[in-house]
Amino acid sequence: MTVPSSAIFRADLLGLFSATAPQMQQFVVREIMPEMPVEGATGEYGKLPASSFLSPPGKNVRRQRNAARARSSTVLEDALYAVREFSFEEMVDKTDERYAGPNADLVSVAAAIAADKVRLGQEIELAEEMQDTTKYPTTGTTGLVVGTPWDDFAAATPRADISEGKEALLNKGGEQDVYLRITRKQHWCLSQCEQILEVLKYTRAPEAELPLPELASALGVAGITLCTARQMITAPGADEPKAAPIWSDQHASLYVRHEGEMVGKSFGFGRSLVLSGDDGQMVYSYEEPSRNAELAVAEEHVDVHVVFPEAHFHLGNVITAPGG
């Protein structure tokens, strides 16, 4: 949207978009899809096919005397990105500002709320992508249904489930660090699984929830991404507001994090492509006299961009479905 001519830009509040800002701690979109600046709002880039990250068969590179070397020709795939505006504005009534006193900065508080909503929108988009059973069926090379739900503490075999998923990812992109994405409830269930506790029984006393680094070690993954974000599911002003998780307890993921310098030139699931320059991230305020209010706006231009869908593996039926 067009920025009002009366807008007051708040460069001092751009830190609200930082992944380390307090209100951003609940979101994992920047952890799963690391941020990368792009020069234009739309663009095209060349992407290596996922198969190019695998080593060629050894017999093809052993040269016989007087024979030609083995060779191949990798054709880059054309890929497109397009950043979109994620924005939200929070209203501050001028009367509330007067009541709050001269030292209160309600506009900064409102800006933090707006930035939270902006990042929430991106988190929801990522959750919908990773939990899409049409794009990532829980069969074949894209996913699996776990052998036994992880809330069956005595019978669950999460190490086997994850080992199978890791093998599928490594067969698609070569040797890579593989990360596990889970919810809070899944974390608790894994902490009770007898198979996990057996592995760790000589190294630590039982705890209600195992520390993520130790759980990752027991499961053989490079790290664990814990998804805790929630959103309101009741109408504004409801007597009993309720929130619900964005991430389903029935779904989990294994993924390879894209950490290369160039989009499409290293294997990994995705990137948060943020428009570079002053227009990429903005925080500003403007007045609306007809409402006797000041509005704080947070705006971010970003593409929550899947680079290699092959770098994601979907785990289904991880927790017994309600009523199941």
C-alpha atoms as a PDB file:
ATOM      1  CA  MET A   1       0.000   0.000   0.000  1.00  0.00           C
ATOM      2  CA  THR A   2       1.007   3.620  -0.433  1.00  0.00           C
ATOM      3  CA  VAL A   3       2.717   5.123   2.574  1.00  0.00           C
ATOM      4  CA  PRO A   4       0.795   8.190   3.826  1.00  0.00           C
ATOM      5  CA  SER A   5       2.562  11.469   3.139  1.00  0.00           C
ATOM      6  CA  SER A   6       2.318  12.340   6.847  1.00  0.00           C
ATOM      7  CA  ALA A   7       4.076   9.130   7.928  1.00  0.00           C
ATOM      8  CA  ILE A   8       6.804   9.363  10.552  1.00  0.00           C
ATOM      9  CA  PHE A   9       9.360   6.624   9.932  1.00  0.00           C
ATOM     10  CA  ARG A  10      10.754   4.873  13.005  1.00  0.00           C
ATOM     11  CA  ALA A  11      14.133   3.469  12.065  1.00  0.00           C
ATOM     12  CA  ASP A  12      14.747   2.958  15.777  1.00  0.00           C
ATOM     13  CA  LEU A  13      12.036   0.276  15.760  1.00  0.00           C
ATOM     14  CA  LEU A  14      13.317  -1.821  12.828  1.00  0.00           C
ATOM     15  CA  GLY A  15      14.856  -4.145  15.414  1.00  0.00           C
ATOM     16  CA  LEU A  16      11.318  -5.414  16.017  1.00  0.00           C
ATOM     17  CA  PHE A  17      11.819  -7.572  12.909  1.00  0.00           C
ATOM     18  CA  SER A  18      14.974  -9.185  14.299  1.00  0.00           C
ATOM     19  CA  ALA A  19      14.698 -12.886  15.060  1.00  0.00           C
ATOM     20  CA  THR A  20      16.132 -12.109  18.511  1.00  0.00           C
ATOM     21  CA  ALA A  21      13.398  -9.574  19.379  1.00  0.00           C
ATOM     22  CA  PRO A  22      11.289 -10.863  22.310  1.00  0.00           C
ATOM     23  CA  GLN A  23       8.002 -11.082  20.398  1.00  0.00           C
ATOM     24  CA  MET A  24       9.708 -12.986  17.566  1.00  0.00           C
ATOM     25  CA  GLN A  25      10.948 -15.852  19.736  1.00  0.00           C
ATOM     26  CA  GLN A  26       7.793 -17.886  19.082  1.00  0.00           C
ATOM     27  CA  PHE A  27       8.314 -17.926  15.307  1.00  0.00           C
ATOM     28  CA  VAL A  28      10.533 -20.368  13.400  1.00  0.00           C
ATOM     29  CA  VAL A  29      10.070 -19.158   9.811  1.00  0.00           C
ATOM     30  CA  ARG A  30      13.491 -17.450   9.838  1.00  0.00           C
ATOM     31  CA  GLU A  31      15.100 -20.522  11.423  1.00  0.00           C
ATOM     32  CA  ILE A  32      13.720 -22.916   8.810  1.00  0.00           C
ATOM     33  CA  MET A  33      14.045 -20.406   5.960  1.00  0.00           C
ATOM     34  CA  PRO A  34      17.043 -18.157   6.694  1.00  0.00           C
ATOM     35  CA  GLU A  35      16.767 -14.557   5.560  1.00  0.00           C
ATOM     36  CA  MET A  36      18.437 -13.463   2.329  1.00  0.00           C
ATOM     37  CA  PRO A  37      18.200 -10.002   0.685  1.00  0.00           C
ATOM     38  CA  VAL A  38      17.147  -9.654  -2.955  1.00  0.00           C
ATOM     39  CA  GLU A  39      17.535  -6.577  -5.132  1.00  0.00           C
ATOM     40  CA  GLY A  40      14.223  -6.625  -6.971  1.00  0.00           C
ATOM     41  CA  ALA A  41      10.635  -7.351  -6.026  1.00  0.00           C
ATOM     42  CA  THR A  42      10.563 -10.088  -8.660  1.00  0.00           C
ATOM     43  CA  GLY A  43      13.340 -12.005 -10.282  1.00  0.00           C
ATOM     44  CA  GLU A  44      14.586 -15.140 -11.946  1.00  0.00           C
ATOM     45  CA  TYR A  45      17.499 -17.297 -10.911  1.00  0.00           C
ATOM     46  CA  GLY A  46      19.161 -20.438 -12.155  1.00  0.00           C
ATOM     47  CA  LYS A  47      18.681 -23.467  -9.945  1.00  0.00           C
ATOM     48  CA  LEU A  48      20.819 -26.569  -9.994  1.00  0.00           C
ATOM     49  CA  PRO A  49      18.711 -29.730 -10.264  1.00  0.00           C
ATOM     50  CA  ALA A  50      18.641 -31.606  -6.963  1.00  0.00           C
ATOM     51  CA  SER A  51      20.314 -34.601  -8.627  1.00  0.00           C
ATOM     52  CA  SER A  52      23.444 -32.503  -9.241  1.00  0.00           C
ATOM     53  CA  PHE A  53      24.231 -32.549  -5.513  1.00  0.00           C
ATOM     54  CA  LEU A  54      24.764 -36.307  -5.652  1.00  0.00           C
ATOM     55  CA  SER A  55      28.142 -37.725  -6.649  1.00  0.00           C
ATOM     56  CA  PRO A  56      28.235 -39.510 -10.025  1.00  0.00           C
ATOM     57  CA  PRO A  57      28.776 -43.277 -10.048  1.00  0.00           C
ATOM     58  CA  GLY A  58      32.427 -44.079  -9.384  1.00  0.00           C
ATOM     59  CA  LYS A  59      32.801 -46.211 -12.483  1.00  0.00           C
ATOM     60  CA  ASN A  60      32.156 -43.147 -14.642  1.00  0.00           C
ATOM     61  CA  VAL A  61      35.177 -41.187 -13.386  1.00  0.00           C
ATOM     62  CA  ARG A  62      37.880 -43.830 -13.567  1.00  0.00           C
ATOM     63  CA  ARG A  63      39.671 -43.025 -16.818  1.00  0.00           C
ATOM     64  CA  GLN A  64      41.254 -45.714 -18.902  1.00  0.00           C
ATOM     65  CA  ARG A  65      44.566 -44.983 -20.659  1.00  0.00           C
ATOM     66  CA  ASN A  66      44.138 -42.986 -23.879  1.00  0.00           C
ATOM     67  CA  ALA A  67      40.433 -42.614 -23.152  1.00  0.00           C
ATOM     68  CA  ALA A  68      38.464 -39.416 -22.731  1.00  0.00           C
ATOM     69  CA  ARG A  69      37.541 -38.177 -19.269  1.00  0.00           C
ATOM     70  CA  ALA A  70      34.027 -38.677 -17.996  1.00  0.00           C
ATOM     71  CA  ARG A  71      31.913 -35.548 -18.334  1.00  0.00           C
ATOM     72  CA  SER A  72      28.436 -34.279 -17.850  1.00  0.00           C
ATOM     73  CA  SER A  73      26.531 -31.122 -18.629  1.00  0.00           C
ATOM     74  CA  THR A  74      24.315 -29.691 -15.919  1.00  0.00           C
ATOM     75  CA  VAL A  75      21.511 -27.497 -17.218  1.00  0.00           C
ATOM     76  CA  LEU A  76      20.253 -24.944 -14.729  1.00  0.00           C
ATOM     77  CA  GLU A  77      16.526 -24.859 -14.123  1.00  0.00           C
ATOM     78  CA  ASP A  78      14.752 -21.505 -14.374  1.00  0.00           C
ATOM     79  CA  ALA A  79      13.160 -20.483 -11.076  1.00  0.00           C
ATOM     80  CA  LEU A  80      11.210 -17.370 -10.119  1.00  0.00           C
ATOM     81  CA  TYR A  81      10.614 -15.465  -6.911  1.00  0.00           C
ATOM     82  CA  ALA A  82       8.225 -12.645  -6.072  1.00  0.00           C
ATOM     83  CA  VAL A  83       8.214 -10.729  -2.795  1.00  0.00           C
ATOM     84  CA  ARG A  84       4.837  -9.701  -1.380  1.00  0.00           C
ATOM     85  CA  GLU A  85       3.808  -7.176   1.187  1.00  0.00           C
ATOM     86  CA  PHE A  86       3.054  -8.436   4.675  1.00  0.00           C
ATOM     87  CA  SER A  87       1.745  -5.517   6.716  1.00  0.00           C
ATOM     88  CA  PHE A  88      -0.397  -4.688   9.715  1.00  0.00           C
ATOM     89  CA  GLU A  89      -1.383  -1.505  11.526  1.00  0.00           C
ATOM     90  CA  GLU A  90      -2.296  -1.128  15.197  1.00  0.00           C
ATOM     91  CA  MET A  91      -4.367   1.856  16.301  1.00  0.00           C
ATOM     92  CA  VAL A  92      -3.592   3.967  19.380  1.00  0.00           C
ATOM     93  CA  ASP A  93      -6.342   6.285  20.567  1.00  0.00           C
ATOM     94  CA  LYS A  94      -5.057   9.755  21.445  1.00  0.00           C
ATOM     95  CA  THR A  95      -7.056   9.635  24.671  1.00  0.00           C
ATOM     96  CA  ASP A  96      -5.179   6.500  25.747  1.00  0.00           C
ATOM     97  CA  GLU A  97      -1.895   8.257  25.024  1.00  0.00           C
ATOM     98  CA  ARG A  98      -2.856  11.124  27.331  1.00  0.00           C
ATOM     99  CA  TYR A  99      -3.935   8.759  30.104  1.00  0.00           C
ATOM    100  CA  ALA A 100      -0.706   6.756  29.773  1.00  0.00           C
ATOM    101  CA  GLY A 101       1.419   9.738  30.720  1.00  0.00           C
ATOM    102  CA  PRO A 102       4.286  11.620  29.077  1.00  0.00           C
ATOM    103  CA  ASN A 103       6.849   8.841  29.477  1.00  0.00           C
ATOM    104  CA  ALA A 104       4.760   6.098  27.888  1.00  0.00           C
ATOM    105  CA  ASP A 105       5.398   5.290  24.229  1.00  0.00           C
ATOM    106  CA  LEU A 106       2.227   3.504  23.179  1.00  0.00           C
ATOM    107  CA  VAL A 107       3.178   3.822  19.522  1.00  0.00           C
ATOM    108  CA  SER A 108       6.231   1.620  20.117  1.00  0.00           C
ATOM    109  CA  VAL A 109       4.038  -0.946  21.871  1.00  0.00           C
ATOM    110  CA  ALA A 110       1.575  -0.840  18.988  1.00  0.00           C
ATOM    111  CA  ALA A 111       4.433  -1.243  16.478  1.00  0.00           C
ATOM    112  CA  ALA A 112       5.612  -4.375  18.296  1.00  0.00           C
ATOM    113  CA  ILE A 113       2.099  -5.817  18.058  1.00  0.00           C
ATOM    114  CA  ALA A 114       1.987  -4.994  14.340  1.00  0.00           C
ATOM    115  CA  ALA A 115       5.392  -6.590  13.693  1.00  0.00           C
ATOM    116  CA  ASP A 116       4.214  -9.701  15.533  1.00  0.00           C
ATOM    117  CA  LYS A 117       1.203  -9.964  13.203  1.00  0.00           C
ATOM    118  CA  VAL A 118       3.407  -9.498  10.131  1.00  0.00           C
ATOM    119  CA  ARG A 119       5.709 -12.356  11.100  1.00  0.00           C
ATOM    120  CA  LEU A 120       2.724 -14.461  12.176  1.00  0.00           C
ATOM    121  CA  GLY A 121       1.381 -14.253   8.627  1.00  0.00           C
ATOM    122  CA  GLN A 122       4.641 -15.642   7.279  1.00  0.00           C
ATOM    123  CA  GLU A 123       4.684 -18.381   9.917  1.00  0.00           C
ATOM    124  CA  ILE A 124       1.174 -19.471   8.912  1.00  0.00           C
ATOM    125  CA  GLU A 125       2.227 -19.579   5.264  1.00  0.00           C
ATOM    126  CA  LEU A 126       5.202 -21.791   6.104  1.00  0.00           C
ATOM    127  CA  ALA A 127       3.104 -24.093   8.307  1.00  0.00           C
ATOM    128  CA  GLU A 128       0.568 -24.559   5.525  1.00  0.00           C
ATOM    129  CA  GLU A 129       3.393 -25.391   3.113  1.00  0.00           C
ATOM    130  CA  MET A 130       5.162 -27.950   5.300  1.00  0.00           C
ATOM    131  CA  GLN A 131       1.943 -29.655   6.421  1.00  0.00           C
ATOM    132  CA  ASP A 132       0.475 -29.926   2.910  1.00  0.00           C
ATOM    133  CA  THR A 133      -0.130 -33.623   2.299  1.00  0.00           C
ATOM    134  CA  THR A 134      -0.776 -32.986  -1.395  1.00  0.00           C
ATOM    135  CA  LYS A 135       2.645 -31.447  -2.010  1.00  0.00           C
ATOM    136  CA  TYR A 136       4.383 -33.727   0.475  1.00  0.00           C
ATOM    137  CA  PRO A 137       2.504 -37.050   0.710  1.00  0.00           C
ATOM    138  CA  THR A 138       3.452 -39.281   3.623  1.00  0.00           C
ATOM    139  CA  THR A 139       4.488 -42.030   1.202  1.00  0.00           C
ATOM    140  CA  GLY A 140       7.441 -42.783  -1.036  1.00  0.00           C
ATOM    141  CA  THR A 141      10.323 -40.328  -1.154  1.00  0.00           C
ATOM    142  CA  THR A 142       8.369 -37.346   0.253  1.00  0.00           C
ATOM    143  CA  GLY A 143       7.266 -38.736   3.608  1.00  0.00           C
ATOM    144  CA  LEU A 144       6.066 -41.580   5.762  1.00  0.00           C
ATOM    145  CA  VAL A 145       3.486 -42.440   8.388  1.00  0.00           C
ATOM    146  CA  VAL A 146       5.392 -43.207  11.574  1.00  0.00           C
ATOM    147  CA  GLY A 147       5.479 -46.860  12.576  1.00  0.00           C
ATOM    148  CA  THR A 148       3.814 -46.183  15.938  1.00  0.00           C
ATOM    149  CA  PRO A 149       2.575 -42.784  17.156  1.00  0.00           C
ATOM    150  CA  TRP A 150       5.097 -41.147  19.456  1.00  0.00           C
ATOM    151  CA  ASP A 151       2.563 -40.856  22.283  1.00  0.00           C
ATOM    152  CA  ASP A 152       2.689 -44.656  22.620  1.00  0.00           C
ATOM    153  CA  PHE A 153       5.718 -44.371  24.862  1.00  0.00           C
ATOM    154  CA  ALA A 154       6.430 -48.086  25.184  1.00  0.00           C
ATOM    155  CA  ALA A 155       6.099 -49.059  21.512  1.00  0.00           C
ATOM    156  CA  ALA A 156       7.087 -45.937  19.548  1.00  0.00           C
ATOM    157  CA  THR A 157      10.292 -46.115  17.506  1.00  0.00           C
ATOM    158  CA  PRO A 158      11.063 -42.489  16.596  1.00  0.00           C
ATOM    159  CA  ARG A 159      14.721 -43.259  15.949  1.00  0.00           C
ATOM    160  CA  ALA A 160      13.719 -45.671  13.187  1.00  0.00           C
ATOM    161  CA  ASP A 161      11.168 -43.218  11.747  1.00  0.00           C
ATOM    162  CA  ILE A 162      13.743 -40.441  11.608  1.00  0.00           C
ATOM    163  CA  SER A 163      16.496 -42.680  10.291  1.00  0.00           C
ATOM    164  CA  GLU A 164      14.279 -43.680   7.368  1.00  0.00           C
ATOM    165  CA  GLY A 165      13.410 -40.063   6.649  1.00  0.00           C
ATOM    166  CA  LYS A 166      17.057 -38.975   6.815  1.00  0.00           C
ATOM    167  CA  GLU A 167      18.011 -41.690   4.368  1.00  0.00           C
ATOM    168  CA  ALA A 168      15.376 -40.461   1.914  1.00  0.00           C
ATOM    169  CA  LEU A 169      16.696 -36.876   2.150  1.00  0.00           C
ATOM    170  CA  LEU A 170      20.307 -37.920   1.755  1.00  0.00           C
ATOM    171  CA  ASN A 171      19.371 -39.963  -1.324  1.00  0.00           C
ATOM    172  CA  LYS A 172      17.956 -36.790  -2.883  1.00  0.00           C
ATOM    173  CA  GLY A 173      20.574 -34.197  -1.941  1.00  0.00           C
ATOM    174  CA  GLY A 174      23.691 -35.969  -0.787  1.00  0.00           C
ATOM    175  CA  GLU A 175      25.336 -35.737   2.627  1.00  0.00           C
ATOM    176  CA  GLN A 176      23.727 -32.808   4.456  1.00  0.00           C
ATOM    177  CA  ASP A 177      22.824 -31.724   7.972  1.00  0.00           C
ATOM    178  CA  VAL A 178      19.228 -32.778   8.613  1.00  0.00           C
ATOM    179  CA  TYR A 179      16.998 -30.954  11.116  1.00  0.00           C
ATOM    180  CA  LEU A 180      13.802 -32.097  12.822  1.00  0.00           C
ATOM    181  CA  ARG A 181      10.778 -29.813  13.183  1.00  0.00           C
ATOM    182  CA  ILE A 182       8.410 -30.696  16.037  1.00  0.00           C
ATOM    183  CA  THR A 183       5.705 -29.150  18.212  1.00  0.00           C
ATOM    184  CA  ARG A 184       5.746 -28.668  21.957  1.00  0.00           C
ATOM    185  CA  LYS A 185       3.534 -31.736  22.508  1.00  0.00           C
ATOM    186  CA  GLN A 186       5.753 -33.857  20.268  1.00  0.00           C
ATOM    187  CA  HIS A 187       8.761 -32.686  22.271  1.00  0.00           C
ATOM    188  CA  TRP A 188       7.078 -33.830  25.467  1.00  0.00           C
ATOM    189  CA  CYS A 189       6.120 -37.202  23.954  1.00  0.00           C
ATOM    190  CA  LEU A 190       9.631 -37.841  22.650  1.00  0.00           C
ATOM    191  CA  SER A 191      10.940 -37.065  26.130  1.00  0.00           C
ATOM    192  CA  GLN A 192       8.803 -39.935  27.484  1.00  0.00           C
ATOM    193  CA  CYS A 193       9.583 -42.494  24.762  1.00  0.00           C
ATOM    194  CA  GLU A 194      11.282 -45.551  26.204  1.00  0.00           C
ATOM    195  CA  GLN A 195      13.460 -45.895  23.101  1.00  0.00           C
ATOM    196  CA  ILE A 196      14.876 -42.398  23.662  1.00  0.00           C
ATOM    197  CA  LEU A 197      15.269 -42.830  27.418  1.00  0.00           C
ATOM    198  CA  GLU A 198      17.119 -46.089  26.859  1.00  0.00           C
ATOM    199  CA  VAL A 199      19.677 -44.294  24.701  1.00  0.00           C
ATOM    200  CA  LEU A 200      20.197 -41.563  27.299  1.00  0.00           C
ATOM    201  CA  LYS A 201      19.883 -43.581  30.508  1.00  0.00           C
ATOM    202  CA  TYR A 202      23.591 -43.477  31.309  1.00  0.00           C
ATOM    203  CA  THR A 203      24.052 -39.790  30.556  1.00  0.00           C
ATOM    204  CA  ARG A 204      21.244 -38.021  32.391  1.00  0.00           C
ATOM    205  CA  ALA A 205      18.404 -38.384  34.863  1.00  0.00           C
ATOM    206  CA  PRO A 206      14.837 -38.497  33.462  1.00  0.00           C
ATOM    207  CA  GLU A 207      13.208 -35.099  32.947  1.00  0.00           C
ATOM    208  CA  ALA A 208       9.729 -33.983  31.967  1.00  0.00           C
ATOM    209  CA  GLU A 209      11.195 -32.520  28.780  1.00  0.00           C
ATOM    210  CA  LEU A 210      14.639 -33.406  27.480  1.00  0.00           C
ATOM    211  CA  PRO A 211      16.906 -30.515  26.417  1.00  0.00           C
ATOM    212  CA  LEU A 212      16.712 -30.139  22.647  1.00  0.00           C
ATOM    213  CA  PRO A 213      20.457 -30.677  21.981  1.00  0.00           C
ATOM    214  CA  GLU A 214      20.429 -34.010  23.829  1.00  0.00           C
ATOM    215  CA  LEU A 215      17.207 -35.098  22.156  1.00  0.00           C
ATOM    216  CA  ALA A 216      18.702 -34.193  18.780  1.00  0.00           C
ATOM    217  CA  SER A 217      21.772 -36.281  19.561  1.00  0.00           C
ATOM    218  CA  ALA A 218      19.618 -39.271  20.543  1.00  0.00           C
ATOM    219  CA  LEU A 219      17.633 -38.980  17.315  1.00  0.00           C
ATOM    220  CA  GLY A 220      20.660 -38.458  15.093  1.00  0.00           C
ATOM    221  CA  VAL A 221      19.732 -35.038  13.699  1.00  0.00           C
ATOM    222  CA  ALA A 222      21.784 -31.848  13.494  1.00  0.00           C
ATOM    223  CA  GLY A 223      19.246 -29.880  15.503  1.00  0.00           C
ATOM    224  CA  ILE A 224      15.605 -29.539  16.465  1.00  0.00           C
ATOM    225  CA  THR A 225      13.275 -26.692  15.545  1.00  0.00           C
ATOM    226  CA  LEU A 226      10.557 -26.314  18.180  1.00  0.00           C
ATOM    227  CA  CYS A 227       7.316 -24.801  16.850  1.00  0.00           C
ATOM    228  CA  THR A 228       5.204 -23.012  19.468  1.00  0.00           C
ATOM    229  CA  ALA A 229       3.397 -20.200  17.601  1.00  0.00           C
ATOM    230  CA  ARG A 230      -0.314 -19.786  18.198  1.00  0.00           C
ATOM    231  CA  GLN A 231      -3.051 -17.604  16.729  1.00  0.00           C
ATOM    232  CA  MET A 232      -6.382 -16.331  18.016  1.00  0.00           C
ATOM    233  CA  ILE A 233      -9.385 -18.345  16.874  1.00  0.00           C
ATOM    234  CA  THR A 234     -12.103 -16.217  18.472  1.00  0.00           C
ATOM    235  CA  ALA A 235     -13.489 -12.911  17.241  1.00  0.00           C
ATOM    236  CA  PRO A 236     -11.970  -9.686  18.625  1.00  0.00           C
ATOM    237  CA  GLY A 237     -13.628  -8.631  21.875  1.00  0.00           C
ATOM    238  CA  ALA A 238     -14.838 -12.115  22.779  1.00  0.00           C
ATOM    239  CA  ASP A 239     -15.469 -12.701  26.479  1.00  0.00           C
ATOM    240  CA  GLU A 240     -13.199 -15.761  26.496  1.00  0.00           C
ATOM    241  CA  PRO A 241     -10.511 -15.331  23.834  1.00  0.00           C
ATOM    242  CA  LYS A 242      -8.957 -18.585  22.704  1.00  0.00           C
ATOM    243  CA  ALA A 243      -5.786 -19.370  20.814  1.00  0.00           C
ATOM    244  CA  ALA A 244      -4.817 -22.458  18.866  1.00  0.00           C
ATOM    245  CA  PRO A 245      -1.462 -23.774  17.615  1.00  0.00           C
ATOM    246  CA  ILE A 246      -0.489 -23.054  14.029  1.00  0.00           C
ATOM    247  CA  TRP A 247       1.513 -26.263  13.805  1.00  0.00           C
ATOM    248  CA  SER A 248      -0.394 -29.552  14.017  1.00  0.00           C
ATOM    249  CA  ASP A 249       0.661 -32.245  16.466  1.00  0.00           C
ATOM    250  CA  GLN A 250      -0.106 -34.851  13.791  1.00  0.00           C
ATOM    251  CA  HIS A 251       2.647 -33.550  11.509  1.00  0.00           C
ATOM    252  CA  ALA A 252       6.409 -33.237  11.858  1.00  0.00           C
ATOM    253  CA  SER A 253       9.171 -32.628   9.330  1.00  0.00           C
ATOM    254  CA  LEU A 254      12.750 -33.418   8.530  1.00  0.00           C
ATOM    255  CA  TYR A 255      14.434 -30.762   6.435  1.00  0.00           C
ATOM    256  CA  VAL A 256      17.765 -29.547   5.140  1.00  0.00           C
ATOM    257  CA  ARG A 257      18.367 -25.885   5.919  1.00  0.00           C
ATOM    258  CA  HIS A 258      19.405 -23.728   2.954  1.00  0.00           C
ATOM    259  CA  GLU A 259      22.513 -21.907   4.118  1.00  0.00           C
ATOM    260  CA  GLY A 260      24.457 -21.301   0.912  1.00  0.00           C
ATOM    261  CA  GLU A 261      25.287 -17.826  -0.333  1.00  0.00           C
ATOM    262  CA  MET A 262      23.298 -18.107  -3.553  1.00  0.00           C
ATOM    263  CA  VAL A 263      19.700 -19.169  -4.024  1.00  0.00           C
ATOM    264  CA  GLY A 264      19.524 -22.358  -6.054  1.00  0.00           C
ATOM    265  CA  LYS A 265      23.244 -23.151  -5.879  1.00  0.00           C
ATOM    266  CA  SER A 266      23.170 -25.123  -2.633  1.00  0.00           C
ATOM    267  CA  PHE A 267      20.726 -27.782  -1.505  1.00  0.00           C
ATOM    268  CA  GLY A 268      18.193 -26.730   1.122  1.00  0.00           C
ATOM    269  CA  PHE A 269      14.484 -26.280   1.649  1.00  0.00           C
ATOM    270  CA  GLY A 270      13.911 -22.547   1.425  1.00  0.00           C
ATOM    271  CA  ARG A 271      14.759 -18.930   2.069  1.00  0.00           C
ATOM    272  CA  SER A 272      12.990 -15.829   3.324  1.00  0.00           C
ATOM    273  CA  LEU A 273      13.797 -13.509   0.423  1.00  0.00           C
ATOM    274  CA  VAL A 274      13.524  -9.959   1.778  1.00  0.00           C
ATOM    275  CA  LEU A 275      13.575  -6.926  -0.500  1.00  0.00           C
ATOM    276  CA  SER A 276      16.812  -5.059   0.178  1.00  0.00           C
ATOM    277  CA  GLY A 277      16.999  -1.370   0.975  1.00  0.00           C
ATOM    278  CA  ASP A 278      14.689   0.866   2.957  1.00  0.00           C
ATOM    279  CA  ASP A 279      11.540  -0.534   1.337  1.00  0.00           C
ATOM    280  CA  GLY A 280      12.132  -4.108   2.493  1.00  0.00           C
ATOM    281  CA  GLN A 281      11.260  -3.526   6.149  1.00  0.00           C
ATOM    282  CA  MET A 282       9.487  -0.451   7.465  1.00  0.00           C
ATOM    283  CA  VAL A 283       8.011   0.743  10.736  1.00  0.00           C
ATOM    284  CA  TYR A 284       6.186   4.064  10.752  1.00  0.00           C
ATOM    285  CA  SER A 285       3.225   5.874  12.246  1.00  0.00           C
ATOM    286  CA  TYR A 286       0.641   8.289  10.913  1.00  0.00           C
ATOM    287  CA  GLU A 287      -2.344  10.119  12.304  1.00  0.00           C
ATOM    288  CA  GLU A 288      -5.981   9.567  11.446  1.00  0.00           C
ATOM    289  CA  PRO A 289      -7.765  12.700  12.726  1.00  0.00           C
ATOM    290  CA  SER A 290     -11.255  11.395  12.030  1.00  0.00           C
ATOM    291  CA  ARG A 291     -10.667   8.700  14.649  1.00  0.00           C
ATOM    292  CA  ASN A 292      -8.513  10.826  16.944  1.00  0.00           C
ATOM    293  CA  ALA A 293      -5.906   8.115  16.628  1.00  0.00           C
ATOM    294  CA  GLU A 294      -2.331   7.393  15.673  1.00  0.00           C
ATOM    295  CA  LEU A 295      -1.602   4.196  13.776  1.00  0.00           C
ATOM    296  CA  ALA A 296       1.623   2.202  14.035  1.00  0.00           C
ATOM    297  CA  VAL A 297       2.443   0.249  10.876  1.00  0.00           C
ATOM    298  CA  ALA A 298       4.851  -2.673  10.423  1.00  0.00           C
ATOM    299  CA  GLU A 299       5.542  -3.672   6.841  1.00  0.00           C
ATOM    300  CA  GLU A 300       7.805  -6.310   5.383  1.00  0.00           C
ATOM    301  CA  HIS A 301       8.269  -7.263   1.728  1.00  0.00           C
ATOM    302  CA  VAL A 302       9.283 -10.908   1.573  1.00  0.00           C
ATOM    303  CA  ASP A 303       8.852 -14.151  -0.334  1.00  0.00           C
ATOM    304  CA  VAL A 304       8.614 -17.223   1.904  1.00  0.00           C
ATOM    305  CA  HIS A 305      10.310 -19.104  -0.873  1.00  0.00           C
ATOM    306  CA  VAL A 306      10.731 -22.866  -1.311  1.00  0.00           C
ATOM    307  CA  VAL A 307      13.991 -23.456  -3.179  1.00  0.00           C
ATOM    308  CA  PHE A 308      14.189 -27.259  -3.126  1.00  0.00           C
ATOM    309  CA  PRO A 309      10.982 -29.058  -2.075  1.00  0.00           C
ATOM    310  CA  GLU A 310      13.082 -32.220  -2.236  1.00  0.00           C
ATOM    311  CA  ALA A 311      14.826 -31.009   0.943  1.00  0.00           C
ATOM    312  CA  HIS A 312      11.683 -31.592   3.023  1.00  0.00           C
ATOM    313  CA  PHE A 313      10.408 -34.934   4.353  1.00  0.00           C
ATOM    314  CA  HIS A 314       6.945 -35.154   5.890  1.00  0.00           C
ATOM    315  CA  LEU A 315       6.248 -37.327   8.960  1.00  0.00           C
ATOM    316  CA  GLY A 316       2.566 -38.121   9.401  1.00  0.00           C
ATOM    317  CA  ASN A 317       0.351 -39.430  12.238  1.00  0.00           C
ATOM    318  CA  VAL A 318       3.113 -38.512  14.666  1.00  0.00           C
ATOM    319  CA  ILE A 319       0.652 -38.150  17.568  1.00  0.00           C
ATOM    320  CA  THR A 320      -2.614 -40.047  17.896  1.00  0.00           C
ATOM    321  CA  ALA A 321      -5.355 -37.879  16.409  1.00  0.00           C
ATOM    322  CA  PRO A 322      -8.027 -36.631  18.834  1.00  0.00           C
ATOM    323  CA  GLY A 323     -10.654 -39.324  19.115  1.00  0.00           C
ATOM    324  CA  GLY A 324      -8.320 -41.816  17.478  1.00  0.00           C
END
